[in-house]
Amino acid sequence: MSDQQIIITVSGVDKIGIVAKVSAVLAKCEVNIEDIKQTLMQGHFVMFMLGNIKNSKYSFKEIKENLTKTGEELGMEIWVQRKEIFDNMHNI
């Protein structure tokens, strides 16, 4: 299952519409959001999302490129990783 899951991390200065914009891109790319956590630390917005790409007609690379472009438009950092790689990196 984790080979179909991706971790999206969003970080930057807080502003209106971050969750909406990132969610809209995921919906367009047919990525199901399975979990979401966000916090605000002294004006710095941080969000983690778990998405499932199983039913998407888009490749991982295309989804990542769309999210990276959205991050640039928002003036934020957006990282996208496959969950299995994320899990392996944190199990070392």
N, C-alpha and C. Protein backbone atom coordinates (compact mmCIF):
# COMPACT_ATOMS: atom_id res chain seq x y z
N MET A 1 0.82 -1.20 0.00
CA MET A 1 0.00 0.00 0.00
C MET A 1 0.86 1.26 0.00
N SER A 2 1.96 1.26 0.76
CA SER A 2 2.76 2.48 0.86
C SER A 2 3.44 2.85 -0.46
N ASP A 3 3.50 1.91 -1.42
CA ASP A 3 4.07 2.27 -2.73
C ASP A 3 3.13 3.17 -3.52
N GLN A 4 1.88 3.28 -3.10
CA GLN A 4 0.91 4.16 -3.74
C GLN A 4 0.68 5.43 -2.93
N GLN A 5 1.37 5.57 -1.81
CA GLN A 5 1.18 6.73 -0.95
C GLN A 5 2.34 7.71 -1.09
N ILE A 6 2.01 8.99 -0.98
CA ILE A 6 3.03 10.04 -1.04
C ILE A 6 2.90 10.94 0.18
N ILE A 7 4.02 11.52 0.58
CA ILE A 7 4.08 12.49 1.67
C ILE A 7 4.34 13.85 1.05
N ILE A 8 3.49 14.81 1.36
CA ILE A 8 3.65 16.18 0.87
C ILE A 8 3.93 17.05 2.08
N THR A 9 5.02 17.81 2.04
CA THR A 9 5.37 18.73 3.12
C THR A 9 5.37 20.14 2.56
N VAL A 10 4.65 21.03 3.23
CA VAL A 10 4.53 22.43 2.80
C VAL A 10 5.05 23.31 3.93
N SER A 11 5.90 24.28 3.60
CA SER A 11 6.50 25.12 4.62
C SER A 11 6.71 26.53 4.08
N GLY A 12 6.42 27.52 4.91
CA GLY A 12 6.65 28.90 4.52
C GLY A 12 5.89 29.87 5.40
N VAL A 13 5.94 31.14 5.03
CA VAL A 13 5.24 32.17 5.78
C VAL A 13 3.74 31.97 5.59
N ASP A 14 3.00 32.04 6.69
CA ASP A 14 1.56 31.81 6.65
C ASP A 14 0.85 32.87 5.81
N LYS A 15 -0.14 32.41 5.04
CA LYS A 15 -0.99 33.31 4.26
C LYS A 15 -2.30 32.60 3.99
N ILE A 16 -3.28 33.33 3.57
CA ILE A 16 -4.59 32.77 3.27
C ILE A 16 -4.53 31.90 2.01
N GLY A 17 -5.18 30.75 2.05
CA GLY A 17 -5.37 29.93 0.85
C GLY A 17 -4.37 28.82 0.61
N ILE A 18 -3.43 28.59 1.51
CA ILE A 18 -2.42 27.56 1.29
C ILE A 18 -3.06 26.18 1.18
N VAL A 19 -3.86 25.80 2.17
CA VAL A 19 -4.48 24.48 2.17
C VAL A 19 -5.38 24.33 0.95
N ALA A 20 -6.15 25.36 0.64
CA ALA A 20 -7.07 25.31 -0.51
C ALA A 20 -6.31 25.10 -1.82
N LYS A 21 -5.23 25.83 -2.00
CA LYS A 21 -4.47 25.75 -3.26
C LYS A 21 -3.82 24.37 -3.41
N VAL A 22 -3.17 23.89 -2.36
CA VAL A 22 -2.51 22.58 -2.43
C VAL A 22 -3.55 21.47 -2.62
N SER A 23 -4.66 21.56 -1.91
CA SER A 23 -5.73 20.56 -2.04
C SER A 23 -6.32 20.57 -3.44
N ALA A 24 -6.47 21.75 -4.04
CA ALA A 24 -7.00 21.85 -5.40
C ALA A 24 -6.08 21.17 -6.41
N VAL A 25 -4.78 21.33 -6.24
CA VAL A 25 -3.82 20.67 -7.14
C VAL A 25 -3.91 19.16 -6.97
N LEU A 26 -4.00 18.69 -5.74
CA LEU A 26 -4.13 17.25 -5.50
C LEU A 26 -5.42 16.70 -6.10
N ALA A 27 -6.51 17.45 -5.98
CA ALA A 27 -7.78 17.01 -6.57
C ALA A 27 -7.67 16.95 -8.09
N LYS A 28 -7.05 17.96 -8.69
CA LYS A 28 -6.86 17.98 -10.14
C LYS A 28 -6.04 16.77 -10.61
N CYS A 29 -5.07 16.38 -9.79
CA CYS A 29 -4.20 15.25 -10.13
C CYS A 29 -4.78 13.91 -9.65
N GLU A 30 -6.01 13.95 -9.15
CA GLU A 30 -6.71 12.75 -8.69
C GLU A 30 -5.97 12.01 -7.57
N VAL A 31 -5.42 12.80 -6.65
CA VAL A 31 -4.74 12.26 -5.47
C VAL A 31 -5.70 12.34 -4.30
N ASN A 32 -5.93 11.23 -3.63
CA ASN A 32 -6.80 11.22 -2.45
C ASN A 32 -5.99 11.62 -1.23
N ILE A 33 -6.48 12.62 -0.48
CA ILE A 33 -5.82 13.02 0.77
C ILE A 33 -6.31 12.09 1.87
N GLU A 34 -5.39 11.32 2.44
CA GLU A 34 -5.74 10.35 3.48
C GLU A 34 -5.53 10.89 4.88
N ASP A 35 -4.62 11.86 5.03
CA ASP A 35 -4.38 12.45 6.34
C ASP A 35 -3.74 13.81 6.13
N ILE A 36 -3.98 14.70 7.07
CA ILE A 36 -3.41 16.04 6.98
C ILE A 36 -3.15 16.56 8.39
N LYS A 37 -2.00 17.15 8.57
CA LYS A 37 -1.64 17.79 9.84
C LYS A 37 -1.02 19.14 9.49
N GLN A 38 -1.38 20.15 10.24
CA GLN A 38 -0.79 21.47 10.01
C GLN A 38 -0.61 22.19 11.32
N THR A 39 0.33 23.10 11.31
CA THR A 39 0.58 23.90 12.51
C THR A 39 1.14 25.25 12.08
N LEU A 40 1.06 26.18 12.98
CA LEU A 40 1.61 27.50 12.78
C LEU A 40 2.59 27.77 13.91
N MET A 41 3.85 28.01 13.56
CA MET A 41 4.87 28.27 14.56
C MET A 41 5.45 29.66 14.33
N GLN A 42 5.05 30.60 15.17
CA GLN A 42 5.53 31.99 15.09
C GLN A 42 5.41 32.54 13.68
N GLY A 43 4.24 32.37 13.08
CA GLY A 43 3.99 32.90 11.73
C GLY A 43 4.48 32.02 10.61
N HIS A 44 5.11 30.89 10.93
CA HIS A 44 5.62 29.97 9.92
C HIS A 44 4.66 28.79 9.80
N PHE A 45 4.10 28.60 8.62
CA PHE A 45 3.13 27.56 8.36
C PHE A 45 3.84 26.26 7.97
N VAL A 46 3.43 25.14 8.57
CA VAL A 46 3.97 23.83 8.23
C VAL A 46 2.80 22.86 8.10
N MET A 47 2.77 22.11 7.00
CA MET A 47 1.70 21.14 6.78
C MET A 47 2.29 19.85 6.22
N PHE A 48 1.78 18.73 6.73
CA PHE A 48 2.13 17.41 6.23
C PHE A 48 0.85 16.77 5.71
N MET A 49 0.93 16.19 4.54
CA MET A 49 -0.23 15.51 3.97
C MET A 49 0.19 14.11 3.53
N LEU A 50 -0.71 13.16 3.71
CA LEU A 50 -0.52 11.81 3.20
C LEU A 50 -1.52 11.64 2.07
N GLY A 51 -1.03 11.39 0.88
CA GLY A 51 -1.89 11.23 -0.28
C GLY A 51 -1.76 9.85 -0.88
N ASN A 52 -2.81 9.43 -1.58
CA ASN A 52 -2.78 8.14 -2.26
C ASN A 52 -2.95 8.38 -3.76
N ILE A 53 -1.99 7.88 -4.56
CA ILE A 53 -2.00 8.12 -6.01
C ILE A 53 -2.50 6.90 -6.79
N LYS A 54 -3.04 5.93 -6.08
CA LYS A 54 -3.47 4.67 -6.71
C LYS A 54 -4.43 4.89 -7.88
N ASN A 55 -5.38 5.79 -7.75
CA ASN A 55 -6.38 5.99 -8.79
C ASN A 55 -6.09 7.17 -9.71
N SER A 56 -4.89 7.74 -9.60
CA SER A 56 -4.53 8.89 -10.42
C SER A 56 -4.02 8.44 -11.79
N LYS A 57 -4.40 9.19 -12.82
CA LYS A 57 -3.87 8.90 -14.15
C LYS A 57 -2.55 9.65 -14.37
N TYR A 58 -2.14 10.44 -13.37
CA TYR A 58 -0.89 11.19 -13.44
C TYR A 58 0.24 10.37 -12.81
N SER A 59 1.44 10.54 -13.35
CA SER A 59 2.60 9.86 -12.78
C SER A 59 3.05 10.61 -11.52
N PHE A 60 3.84 9.91 -10.69
CA PHE A 60 4.41 10.55 -9.50
C PHE A 60 5.17 11.82 -9.90
N LYS A 61 5.94 11.73 -10.97
CA LYS A 61 6.74 12.87 -11.44
C LYS A 61 5.84 14.05 -11.81
N GLU A 62 4.74 13.80 -12.51
CA GLU A 62 3.83 14.88 -12.91
C GLU A 62 3.18 15.52 -11.67
N ILE A 63 2.78 14.70 -10.72
CA ILE A 63 2.17 15.22 -9.49
C ILE A 63 3.18 16.09 -8.74
N LYS A 64 4.41 15.59 -8.62
CA LYS A 64 5.47 16.33 -7.94
C LYS A 64 5.74 17.67 -8.63
N GLU A 65 5.79 17.66 -9.96
CA GLU A 65 6.04 18.90 -10.72
C GLU A 65 4.91 19.90 -10.51
N ASN A 66 3.66 19.43 -10.51
CA ASN A 66 2.51 20.32 -10.27
C ASN A 66 2.58 20.95 -8.88
N LEU A 67 2.92 20.15 -7.88
CA LEU A 67 3.01 20.66 -6.52
C LEU A 67 4.19 21.61 -6.33
N THR A 68 5.32 21.30 -6.96
CA THR A 68 6.49 22.17 -6.88
C THR A 68 6.17 23.53 -7.50
N LYS A 69 5.49 23.53 -8.65
CA LYS A 69 5.08 24.78 -9.31
C LYS A 69 4.14 25.58 -8.41
N THR A 70 3.23 24.90 -7.76
CA THR A 70 2.30 25.56 -6.84
C THR A 70 3.06 26.19 -5.68
N GLY A 71 4.06 25.50 -5.16
CA GLY A 71 4.89 26.06 -4.10
C GLY A 71 5.57 27.34 -4.54
N GLU A 72 6.08 27.36 -5.76
CA GLU A 72 6.73 28.57 -6.29
C GLU A 72 5.72 29.71 -6.39
N GLU A 73 4.51 29.40 -6.86
CA GLU A 73 3.47 30.42 -6.97
C GLU A 73 3.08 30.99 -5.60
N LEU A 74 3.08 30.13 -4.60
CA LEU A 74 2.73 30.56 -3.24
C LEU A 74 3.90 31.18 -2.48
N GLY A 75 5.11 31.04 -3.03
CA GLY A 75 6.31 31.50 -2.32
C GLY A 75 6.63 30.61 -1.14
N MET A 76 6.34 29.30 -1.29
CA MET A 76 6.54 28.33 -0.22
C MET A 76 7.35 27.15 -0.74
N GLU A 77 7.90 26.39 0.20
CA GLU A 77 8.59 25.15 -0.15
C GLU A 77 7.60 24.00 -0.10
N ILE A 78 7.55 23.20 -1.16
CA ILE A 78 6.73 22.00 -1.15
C ILE A 78 7.62 20.84 -1.58
N TRP A 79 7.70 19.84 -0.70
CA TRP A 79 8.46 18.63 -0.98
C TRP A 79 7.49 17.47 -1.14
N VAL A 80 7.78 16.60 -2.08
CA VAL A 80 6.93 15.43 -2.32
C VAL A 80 7.83 14.20 -2.37
N GLN A 81 7.47 13.18 -1.57
CA GLN A 81 8.24 11.94 -1.52
C GLN A 81 7.29 10.76 -1.55
N ARG A 82 7.77 9.66 -2.06
CA ARG A 82 7.00 8.43 -1.93
C ARG A 82 7.08 8.01 -0.46
N LYS A 83 5.98 7.54 0.10
CA LYS A 83 5.93 7.18 1.52
C LYS A 83 6.93 6.07 1.85
N GLU A 84 7.09 5.09 0.96
CA GLU A 84 8.01 3.99 1.25
C GLU A 84 9.44 4.50 1.38
N ILE A 85 9.83 5.49 0.60
CA ILE A 85 11.18 6.06 0.71
C ILE A 85 11.28 6.87 2.00
N PHE A 86 10.24 7.65 2.30
CA PHE A 86 10.19 8.43 3.54
C PHE A 86 10.34 7.51 4.75
N ASP A 87 9.58 6.40 4.76
CA ASP A 87 9.64 5.44 5.87
C ASP A 87 11.04 4.82 6.00
N ASN A 88 11.63 4.44 4.87
CA ASN A 88 12.96 3.83 4.90
C ASN A 88 14.02 4.81 5.39
N MET A 89 13.91 6.08 5.01
CA MET A 89 14.87 7.08 5.46
C MET A 89 14.81 7.26 6.98
N HIS A 90 13.62 7.10 7.55
CA HIS A 90 13.45 7.33 8.98
C HIS A 90 13.59 6.06 9.81
N ASN A 91 13.89 4.96 9.15
CA ASN A 91 14.11 3.69 9.86
C ASN A 91 15.58 3.33 9.93
N ILE A 92 16.44 4.15 9.38
CA ILE A 92 17.87 3.87 9.35
C ILE A 92 18.48 4.17 10.70
